[in-house]
Amino acid sequence: MVYYDFDTFNSDIKILAKRAKSEFDPDAILGIARGGLTIAHFLANMLDIRDCFSLNSIHYNNTQKLDTIKIYNIPNLDKFKRVLITDDIIDSGETLLAIKDKLNTLYPNLQIAIATIFYKPKALISADFTIREANDWIEFFWDLSLD
């Protein structure tokens, strides 16, 4: 397990923000709950984007991968042209691929880009903007519990 601290995140998110702005210039951000919400929040602030949404997907229970992908709470994206989807990591890529396919079906004219901090090279889908390759399980600084 690798610990990903705030200082490293702070450097990485600035790189993601600059690249996303110059290469895509989104007019809305869609964070995948829960891992993509911190990234969505920071990018929305840095890029001065007030239209910051979330959707829910379930494909993992803690570290256990489930057999199905549930996608729900999809926001209305009718008025947007370029939406940046955020998540903390692309692992298998199954979740992001399912989300992107669902959004393409609902909003066929929507341009979609994906931003993540971590990726695994064998994933089914690649992020348009990403920073680090993941070789171990990542414990993020925002992974807190009451214990």
C-alpha atoms as a PDB file:
ATOM      1  CA  MET A   1       0.000   0.000   0.000  1.00  0.00           C
ATOM      2  CA  VAL A   2       1.226   3.490  -0.888  1.00  0.00           C
ATOM      3  CA  TYR A   3       0.152   6.609   1.015  1.00  0.00           C
ATOM      4  CA  TYR A   4      -0.713   9.618  -1.176  1.00  0.00           C
ATOM      5  CA  ASP A   5      -0.323  12.795   0.881  1.00  0.00           C
ATOM      6  CA  PHE A   6      -1.821  16.266   0.507  1.00  0.00           C
ATOM      7  CA  ASP A   7       1.426  17.983  -0.514  1.00  0.00           C
ATOM      8  CA  THR A   8       1.880  15.618  -3.451  1.00  0.00           C
ATOM      9  CA  PHE A   9      -1.782  16.017  -4.378  1.00  0.00           C
ATOM     10  CA  ASN A  10      -1.440  19.799  -4.235  1.00  0.00           C
ATOM     11  CA  SER A  11       1.362  19.671  -6.813  1.00  0.00           C
ATOM     12  CA  ASP A  12      -0.401  17.109  -8.996  1.00  0.00           C
ATOM     13  CA  ILE A  13      -3.768  18.886  -9.071  1.00  0.00           C
ATOM     14  CA  LYS A  14      -2.117  22.055 -10.398  1.00  0.00           C
ATOM     15  CA  ILE A  15      -0.640  20.063 -13.278  1.00  0.00           C
ATOM     16  CA  LEU A  16      -4.031  18.477 -14.024  1.00  0.00           C
ATOM     17  CA  ALA A  17      -5.769  21.863 -13.898  1.00  0.00           C
ATOM     18  CA  LYS A  18      -3.334  23.516 -16.305  1.00  0.00           C
ATOM     19  CA  ARG A  19      -3.528  20.647 -18.790  1.00  0.00           C
ATOM     20  CA  ALA A  20      -7.314  20.352 -18.601  1.00  0.00           C
ATOM     21  CA  LYS A  21      -7.707  24.101 -19.128  1.00  0.00           C
ATOM     22  CA  SER A  22      -5.294  24.387 -22.044  1.00  0.00           C
ATOM     23  CA  GLU A  23      -6.216  21.151 -23.828  1.00  0.00           C
ATOM     24  CA  PHE A  24      -9.957  20.812 -23.115  1.00  0.00           C
ATOM     25  CA  ASP A  25     -11.341  23.919 -21.354  1.00  0.00           C
ATOM     26  CA  PRO A  26     -14.350  22.241 -19.692  1.00  0.00           C
ATOM     27  CA  ASP A  27     -17.537  24.139 -18.946  1.00  0.00           C
ATOM     28  CA  ALA A  28     -18.586  21.646 -16.243  1.00  0.00           C
ATOM     29  CA  ILE A  29     -16.954  19.078 -13.984  1.00  0.00           C
ATOM     30  CA  LEU A  30     -18.461  15.745 -12.993  1.00  0.00           C
ATOM     31  CA  GLY A  31     -16.869  14.017 -10.015  1.00  0.00           C
ATOM     32  CA  ILE A  32     -17.420  10.319  -9.514  1.00  0.00           C
ATOM     33  CA  ALA A  33     -18.386   9.804  -5.885  1.00  0.00           C
ATOM     34  CA  ARG A  34     -16.531   9.288  -3.785  1.00  0.00           C
ATOM     35  CA  GLY A  35     -12.982   9.108  -5.124  1.00  0.00           C
ATOM     36  CA  GLY A  36     -13.410  11.823  -7.733  1.00  0.00           C
ATOM     37  CA  LEU A  37     -15.078  14.411  -5.502  1.00  0.00           C
ATOM     38  CA  THR A  38     -11.923  15.879  -3.972  1.00  0.00           C
ATOM     39  CA  ILE A  39     -10.398  16.213  -7.421  1.00  0.00           C
ATOM     40  CA  ALA A  40     -13.603  17.753  -8.818  1.00  0.00           C
ATOM     41  CA  HIS A  41     -13.743  20.279  -5.975  1.00  0.00           C
ATOM     42  CA  PHE A  42     -10.141  21.398  -6.404  1.00  0.00           C
ATOM     43  CA  LEU A  43     -10.348  21.586 -10.202  1.00  0.00           C
ATOM     44  CA  ALA A  44     -13.622  23.520 -10.054  1.00  0.00           C
ATOM     45  CA  ASN A  45     -12.002  26.082  -7.768  1.00  0.00           C
ATOM     46  CA  MET A  46      -8.787  26.323  -9.760  1.00  0.00           C
ATOM     47  CA  LEU A  47     -10.576  26.608 -13.117  1.00  0.00           C
ATOM     48  CA  ASP A  48     -13.332  28.861 -11.722  1.00  0.00           C
ATOM     49  CA  ILE A  49     -16.064  26.466 -12.829  1.00  0.00           C
ATOM     50  CA  ARG A  50     -19.251  26.764 -10.792  1.00  0.00           C
ATOM     51  CA  ASP A  51     -21.014  23.888 -12.528  1.00  0.00           C
ATOM     52  CA  CYS A  52     -19.521  21.041 -10.521  1.00  0.00           C
ATOM     53  CA  PHE A  53     -21.629  17.893 -10.267  1.00  0.00           C
ATOM     54  CA  SER A  54     -21.325  14.388  -8.938  1.00  0.00           C
ATOM     55  CA  LEU A  55     -22.697  11.008  -9.806  1.00  0.00           C
ATOM     56  CA  ASN A  56     -22.543   7.759  -7.927  1.00  0.00           C
ATOM     57  CA  SER A  57     -21.173   4.461  -9.041  1.00  0.00           C
ATOM     58  CA  ILE A  58     -20.522   1.317  -7.110  1.00  0.00           C
ATOM     59  CA  HIS A  59     -18.054  -1.265  -8.377  1.00  0.00           C
ATOM     60  CA  TYR A  60     -15.995  -1.825  -5.221  1.00  0.00           C
ATOM     61  CA  ASN A  61     -16.862  -2.598  -1.623  1.00  0.00           C
ATOM     62  CA  ASN A  62     -13.731  -1.438   0.208  1.00  0.00           C
ATOM     63  CA  THR A  63     -11.027  -3.359  -1.687  1.00  0.00           C
ATOM     64  CA  GLN A  64     -13.431  -6.043  -3.007  1.00  0.00           C
ATOM     65  CA  LYS A  65     -14.469  -5.675  -6.669  1.00  0.00           C
ATOM     66  CA  LEU A  66     -18.174  -6.390  -7.230  1.00  0.00           C
ATOM     67  CA  ASP A  67     -19.724  -8.274 -10.165  1.00  0.00           C
ATOM     68  CA  THR A  68     -21.868  -5.360 -11.342  1.00  0.00           C
ATOM     69  CA  ILE A  69     -21.517  -1.612 -11.845  1.00  0.00           C
ATOM     70  CA  LYS A  70     -24.333   0.550 -10.535  1.00  0.00           C
ATOM     71  CA  ILE A  71     -24.483   4.129 -11.894  1.00  0.00           C
ATOM     72  CA  TYR A  72     -27.012   6.541 -10.416  1.00  0.00           C
ATOM     73  CA  ASN A  73     -27.700  10.196  -9.545  1.00  0.00           C
ATOM     74  CA  ILE A  74     -26.676  11.301 -13.038  1.00  0.00           C
ATOM     75  CA  PRO A  75     -27.068  15.090 -13.296  1.00  0.00           C
ATOM     76  CA  ASN A  76     -28.760  16.900 -16.169  1.00  0.00           C
ATOM     77  CA  LEU A  77     -25.934  17.910 -18.514  1.00  0.00           C
ATOM     78  CA  ASP A  78     -28.107  19.187 -21.397  1.00  0.00           C
ATOM     79  CA  LYS A  79     -26.733  22.736 -21.391  1.00  0.00           C
ATOM     80  CA  PHE A  80     -23.029  21.813 -21.419  1.00  0.00           C
ATOM     81  CA  LYS A  81     -20.619  21.220 -24.288  1.00  0.00           C
ATOM     82  CA  ARG A  82     -17.456  19.933 -22.564  1.00  0.00           C
ATOM     83  CA  VAL A  83     -17.606  17.975 -19.316  1.00  0.00           C
ATOM     84  CA  LEU A  84     -14.547  16.811 -17.413  1.00  0.00           C
ATOM     85  CA  ILE A  85     -15.121  13.585 -15.469  1.00  0.00           C
ATOM     86  CA  THR A  86     -12.877  13.184 -12.428  1.00  0.00           C
ATOM     87  CA  ASP A  87     -11.883  10.157 -10.402  1.00  0.00           C
ATOM     88  CA  ASP A  88      -8.981   9.308  -8.137  1.00  0.00           C
ATOM     89  CA  ILE A  89      -7.769   6.259 -10.066  1.00  0.00           C
ATOM     90  CA  ILE A  90      -8.484   4.203 -13.152  1.00  0.00           C
ATOM     91  CA  ASP A  91      -8.054   0.649 -11.943  1.00  0.00           C
ATOM     92  CA  SER A  92      -9.682  -1.862 -14.297  1.00  0.00           C
ATOM     93  CA  GLY A  93     -11.351   0.986 -16.188  1.00  0.00           C
ATOM     94  CA  GLU A  94     -14.682  -0.823 -16.112  1.00  0.00           C
ATOM     95  CA  THR A  95     -16.456   1.837 -14.049  1.00  0.00           C
ATOM     96  CA  LEU A  96     -15.260   4.804 -16.097  1.00  0.00           C
ATOM     97  CA  LEU A  97     -15.999   3.001 -19.350  1.00  0.00           C
ATOM     98  CA  ALA A  98     -19.556   2.257 -18.173  1.00  0.00           C
ATOM     99  CA  ILE A  99     -20.043   5.869 -17.035  1.00  0.00           C
ATOM    100  CA  LYS A 100     -18.694   7.310 -20.281  1.00  0.00           C
ATOM    101  CA  ASP A 101     -20.887   4.950 -22.338  1.00  0.00           C
ATOM    102  CA  LYS A 102     -23.946   5.921 -20.274  1.00  0.00           C
ATOM    103  CA  LEU A 103     -23.243   9.648 -20.683  1.00  0.00           C
ATOM    104  CA  ASN A 104     -22.619   9.245 -24.432  1.00  0.00           C
ATOM    105  CA  THR A 105     -26.013   7.538 -24.728  1.00  0.00           C
ATOM    106  CA  LEU A 106     -27.818  10.229 -22.718  1.00  0.00           C
ATOM    107  CA  TYR A 107     -25.899  13.178 -24.198  1.00  0.00           C
ATOM    108  CA  PRO A 108     -24.609  12.238 -27.673  1.00  0.00           C
ATOM    109  CA  ASN A 109     -23.356  15.773 -28.449  1.00  0.00           C
ATOM    110  CA  LEU A 110     -21.413  16.136 -25.210  1.00  0.00           C
ATOM    111  CA  GLN A 111     -17.619  16.202 -25.379  1.00  0.00           C
ATOM    112  CA  ILE A 112     -16.214  14.208 -22.482  1.00  0.00           C
ATOM    113  CA  ALA A 113     -12.693  14.106 -21.091  1.00  0.00           C
ATOM    114  CA  ILE A 114     -11.427  12.177 -18.085  1.00  0.00           C
ATOM    115  CA  ALA A 115      -8.979  13.392 -15.428  1.00  0.00           C
ATOM    116  CA  THR A 116      -7.491  11.150 -12.748  1.00  0.00           C
ATOM    117  CA  ILE A 117      -4.509  11.274 -10.460  1.00  0.00           C
ATOM    118  CA  PHE A 118      -3.580   7.601 -10.879  1.00  0.00           C
ATOM    119  CA  TYR A 119      -4.004   5.067 -13.663  1.00  0.00           C
ATOM    120  CA  LYS A 120      -3.177   1.445 -14.281  1.00  0.00           C
ATOM    121  CA  PRO A 121      -1.718   0.818 -17.739  1.00  0.00           C
ATOM    122  CA  LYS A 122      -3.837  -2.295 -18.378  1.00  0.00           C
ATOM    123  CA  ALA A 123      -7.145  -0.480 -17.786  1.00  0.00           C
ATOM    124  CA  LEU A 124      -9.894  -0.757 -20.408  1.00  0.00           C
ATOM    125  CA  ILE A 125      -9.993   3.031 -20.799  1.00  0.00           C
ATOM    126  CA  SER A 126      -7.356   5.740 -20.516  1.00  0.00           C
ATOM    127  CA  ALA A 127      -7.673   9.145 -18.910  1.00  0.00           C
ATOM    128  CA  ASP A 128      -7.164  12.199 -21.084  1.00  0.00           C
ATOM    129  CA  PHE A 129      -5.322  13.825 -18.189  1.00  0.00           C
ATOM    130  CA  THR A 130      -3.494  11.806 -15.563  1.00  0.00           C
ATOM    131  CA  ILE A 131      -0.342  12.040 -13.476  1.00  0.00           C
ATOM    132  CA  ARG A 132       0.854   8.815 -11.892  1.00  0.00           C
ATOM    133  CA  GLU A 133       0.958   5.128 -12.655  1.00  0.00           C
ATOM    134  CA  ALA A 134      -0.360   2.932  -9.843  1.00  0.00           C
ATOM    135  CA  ASN A 135       1.406  -0.317  -9.070  1.00  0.00           C
ATOM    136  CA  ASP A 136       0.068  -0.786  -5.526  1.00  0.00           C
ATOM    137  CA  TRP A 137      -3.141  -0.056  -3.639  1.00  0.00           C
ATOM    138  CA  ILE A 138      -3.250   3.707  -2.977  1.00  0.00           C
ATOM    139  CA  GLU A 139      -4.334   5.104   0.376  1.00  0.00           C
ATOM    140  CA  PHE A 140      -5.389   8.695  -0.255  1.00  0.00           C
ATOM    141  CA  PHE A 141      -5.112  11.406   2.388  1.00  0.00           C
ATOM    142  CA  TRP A 142      -8.893  11.828   2.181  1.00  0.00           C
ATOM    143  CA  ASP A 143      -9.537   8.162   3.036  1.00  0.00           C
ATOM    144  CA  LEU A 144     -10.510   8.852   6.626  1.00  0.00           C
ATOM    145  CA  SER A 145     -12.534   6.857   9.122  1.00  0.00           C
ATOM    146  CA  LEU A 146     -13.922   7.498  12.583  1.00  0.00           C
ATOM    147  CA  ASP A 147     -11.547   4.945  14.116  1.00  0.00           C
END
